[in-house]
C-alpha atoms as a PDB file:
ATOM      1  CA  MET A   1       0.423  33.701  17.670  1.00  0.00           C
ATOM      2  CA  SER A   2       3.174  31.397  16.475  1.00  0.00           C
ATOM      3  CA  ASP A   3       4.302  30.090  13.127  1.00  0.00           C
ATOM      4  CA  VAL A   4       2.654  26.808  14.130  1.00  0.00           C
ATOM      5  CA  ASP A   5      -0.714  28.586  13.982  1.00  0.00           C
ATOM      6  CA  LEU A   6       0.092  29.776  10.461  1.00  0.00           C
ATOM      7  CA  VAL A   7       1.179  26.317   9.373  1.00  0.00           C
ATOM      8  CA  VAL A   8      -1.985  24.692  10.729  1.00  0.00           C
ATOM      9  CA  LEU A   9      -4.235  27.242   9.028  1.00  0.00           C
ATOM     10  CA  ALA A  10      -2.264  26.931   5.787  1.00  0.00           C
ATOM     11  CA  TYR A  11      -2.629  23.145   5.963  1.00  0.00           C
ATOM     12  CA  VAL A  12      -6.401  23.484   6.224  1.00  0.00           C
ATOM     13  CA  ALA A  13      -6.537  26.039   3.404  1.00  0.00           C
ATOM     14  CA  GLY A  14      -4.152  23.923   1.359  1.00  0.00           C
ATOM     15  CA  GLN A  15      -6.744  21.198   0.959  1.00  0.00           C
ATOM     16  CA  ASP A  16      -8.074  23.336  -1.922  1.00  0.00           C
ATOM     17  CA  VAL A  17      -4.700  23.597  -3.688  1.00  0.00           C
ATOM     18  CA  PRO A  18      -4.619  21.555  -6.918  1.00  0.00           C
ATOM     19  CA  LEU A  19      -1.524  19.392  -6.480  1.00  0.00           C
ATOM     20  CA  GLU A  20      -1.231  15.974  -8.092  1.00  0.00           C
ATOM     21  CA  GLU A  21      -0.168  13.234  -5.701  1.00  0.00           C
ATOM     22  CA  ASP A  22       2.788  12.155  -7.872  1.00  0.00           C
ATOM     23  CA  GLU A  23       4.142  15.699  -8.106  1.00  0.00           C
ATOM     24  CA  ARG A  24       3.612  16.286  -4.381  1.00  0.00           C
ATOM     25  CA  ASN A  25       5.364  13.040  -3.469  1.00  0.00           C
ATOM     26  CA  ALA A  26       8.348  13.736  -5.736  1.00  0.00           C
ATOM     27  CA  ALA A  27       8.747  17.253  -4.324  1.00  0.00           C
ATOM     28  CA  LEU A  28       8.431  15.921  -0.777  1.00  0.00           C
ATOM     29  CA  ARG A  29      11.114  13.285  -1.395  1.00  0.00           C
ATOM     30  CA  ARG A  30      13.524  16.002  -2.543  1.00  0.00           C
ATOM     31  CA  ALA A  31      12.620  18.189   0.444  1.00  0.00           C
ATOM     32  CA  LEU A  32      13.101  15.276   2.849  1.00  0.00           C
ATOM     33  CA  PHE A  33      16.660  14.791   1.554  1.00  0.00           C
ATOM     34  CA  VAL A  34      17.372  18.481   2.179  1.00  0.00           C
ATOM     35  CA  PHE A  35      15.741  18.231   5.618  1.00  0.00           C
ATOM     36  CA  ALA A  36      17.832  15.165   6.525  1.00  0.00           C
ATOM     37  CA  ALA A  37      21.023  16.954   5.506  1.00  0.00           C
ATOM     38  CA  GLY A  38      20.140  19.801   7.869  1.00  0.00           C
ATOM     39  CA  GLY A  39      20.294  17.880  11.140  1.00  0.00           C
ATOM     40  CA  ALA A  40      18.234  15.626  13.358  1.00  0.00           C
ATOM     41  CA  LEU A  41      15.189  14.138  11.676  1.00  0.00           C
ATOM     42  CA  ASN A  42      13.086  14.398  14.831  1.00  0.00           C
ATOM     43  CA  ARG A  43      13.088  18.202  14.752  1.00  0.00           C
ATOM     44  CA  ASP A  44      10.062  20.152  13.566  1.00  0.00           C
ATOM     45  CA  PRO A  45      10.417  21.971  10.257  1.00  0.00           C
ATOM     46  CA  ALA A  46      10.304  25.755  10.366  1.00  0.00           C
ATOM     47  CA  MET A  47       9.034  28.136   7.719  1.00  0.00           C
ATOM     48  CA  ASP A  48      12.605  29.317   7.037  1.00  0.00           C
ATOM     49  CA  ASP A  49      14.060  25.797   6.896  1.00  0.00           C
ATOM     50  CA  PRO A  50      15.975  25.175   3.636  1.00  0.00           C
ATOM     51  CA  ALA A  51      13.839  22.078   3.003  1.00  0.00           C
ATOM     52  CA  VAL A  52      10.659  24.159   3.272  1.00  0.00           C
ATOM     53  CA  ILE A  53      12.063  26.775   0.903  1.00  0.00           C
ATOM     54  CA  GLU A  54      13.037  24.015  -1.552  1.00  0.00           C
ATOM     55  CA  LEU A  55       9.588  22.428  -1.375  1.00  0.00           C
ATOM     56  CA  ALA A  56       7.820  25.772  -1.748  1.00  0.00           C
ATOM     57  CA  GLY A  57       9.778  26.445  -4.929  1.00  0.00           C
ATOM     58  CA  ASP A  58       9.223  22.967  -6.339  1.00  0.00           C
ATOM     59  CA  ILE A  59       5.437  23.094  -6.123  1.00  0.00           C
ATOM     60  CA  ASP A  60       4.981  26.802  -6.876  1.00  0.00           C
ATOM     61  CA  SER A  61       2.553  27.972  -9.553  1.00  0.00           C
ATOM     62  CA  ALA A  62       0.271  30.965  -9.977  1.00  0.00           C
ATOM     63  CA  GLU A  63      -2.788  28.691 -10.056  1.00  0.00           C
ATOM     64  CA  ARG A  64      -1.845  27.015  -6.783  1.00  0.00           C
ATOM     65  CA  ARG A  65      -1.072  30.285  -5.053  1.00  0.00           C
ATOM     66  CA  ALA A  66      -4.425  31.685  -6.183  1.00  0.00           C
ATOM     67  CA  ALA A  67      -6.235  28.607  -4.845  1.00  0.00           C
ATOM     68  CA  LEU A  68      -4.441  28.931  -1.503  1.00  0.00           C
ATOM     69  CA  ALA A  69      -5.199  32.667  -1.267  1.00  0.00           C
ATOM     70  CA  ALA A  70      -8.887  32.052  -1.998  1.00  0.00           C
ATOM     71  CA  ALA A  71      -9.029  29.293   0.612  1.00  0.00           C
ATOM     72  CA  VAL A  72      -7.331  31.518   3.213  1.00  0.00           C
ATOM     73  CA  GLU A  73     -10.083  34.093   2.686  1.00  0.00           C
ATOM     74  CA  ARG A  74     -12.693  31.462   3.576  1.00  0.00           C
ATOM     75  CA  LEU A  75     -10.994  30.425   6.837  1.00  0.00           C
ATOM     76  CA  ASP A  76     -12.200  31.278  10.301  1.00  0.00           C
ATOM     77  CA  GLY A  77      -9.480  31.661  12.879  1.00  0.00           C
ATOM     78  CA  ASP A  78      -7.172  33.992  14.703  1.00  0.00           C
ATOM     79  CA  GLN A  79      -7.398  37.329  12.887  1.00  0.00           C
ATOM     80  CA  GLU A  80      -3.698  38.084  13.318  1.00  0.00           C
ATOM     81  CA  ALA A  81      -2.771  34.723  11.803  1.00  0.00           C
ATOM     82  CA  LEU A  82      -5.186  35.222   8.919  1.00  0.00           C
ATOM     83  CA  ASP A  83      -3.769  38.699   8.279  1.00  0.00           C
ATOM     84  CA  ARG A  84      -0.264  37.226   8.096  1.00  0.00           C
ATOM     85  CA  LEU A  85      -1.484  34.501   5.728  1.00  0.00           C
ATOM     86  CA  ARG A  86      -2.824  37.154   3.380  1.00  0.00           C
ATOM     87  CA  ASP A  87       0.805  37.808   2.470  1.00  0.00           C
ATOM     88  CA  PRO A  88       1.285  35.439  -0.503  1.00  0.00           C
ATOM     89  CA  GLU A  89       4.882  34.478   0.340  1.00  0.00           C
ATOM     90  CA  THR A  90       4.076  33.792   3.997  1.00  0.00           C
ATOM     91  CA  ALA A  91       1.046  31.701   3.044  1.00  0.00           C
ATOM     92  CA  TRP A  92       2.977  29.706   0.468  1.00  0.00           C
ATOM     93  CA  ARG A  93       5.869  29.037   2.827  1.00  0.00           C
ATOM     94  CA  ALA A  94       3.449  28.023   5.610  1.00  0.00           C
ATOM     95  CA  TYR A  95       1.701  25.646   3.202  1.00  0.00           C
ATOM     96  CA  ALA A  96       5.002  24.042   2.189  1.00  0.00           C
ATOM     97  CA  CYS A  97       5.965  23.723   5.853  1.00  0.00           C
ATOM     98  CA  ALA A  98       2.630  22.027   6.547  1.00  0.00           C
ATOM     99  CA  LEU A  99       3.177  19.521   3.736  1.00  0.00           C
ATOM    100  CA  LEU A 100       6.666  18.702   5.006  1.00  0.00           C
ATOM    101  CA  ALA A 101       5.487  18.372   8.614  1.00  0.00           C
ATOM    102  CA  ASP A 102       2.697  16.069   7.462  1.00  0.00           C
ATOM    103  CA  ALA A 103       5.172  13.907   5.522  1.00  0.00           C
ATOM    104  CA  LEU A 104       7.496  13.734   8.527  1.00  0.00           C
ATOM    105  CA  GLY A 105       4.542  12.742  10.710  1.00  0.00           C
ATOM    106  CA  GLU A 106       3.655   9.932   8.296  1.00  0.00           C
ATOM    107  CA  ASP A 107       7.212   8.624   8.578  1.00  0.00           C
ATOM    108  CA  ASP A 108       6.853   8.581  12.374  1.00  0.00           C
ATOM    109  CA  ASP A 109       3.725   6.416  12.076  1.00  0.00           C
ATOM    110  CA  GLU A 110       5.516   3.622  10.215  1.00  0.00           C
ATOM    111  CA  PRO A 111       6.596   0.591  12.291  1.00  0.00           C
END
């Protein structure tokens, strides 16, 4: 089981996290600047990437973490991955990584 598995599961669970589009976009813009300063833009973000840590902090709230934790409990998937996602910090970091990866993927789709 890899961190990619955690990120994918956190992305699915994260659909239940209450995050306004404007706030998400502003936090992602800041994280993308940090990501760009860290090296090649075509690399995949990692859960310990400074940009992921920055994003996780920017969007953090008790309400959002609770929503993510509840959604993780409803997931079906690899039991080891789900057990790791039951750790609140791991789940939150995986969710932030998923948001950043999604934003980077959207940039790749532009002409």
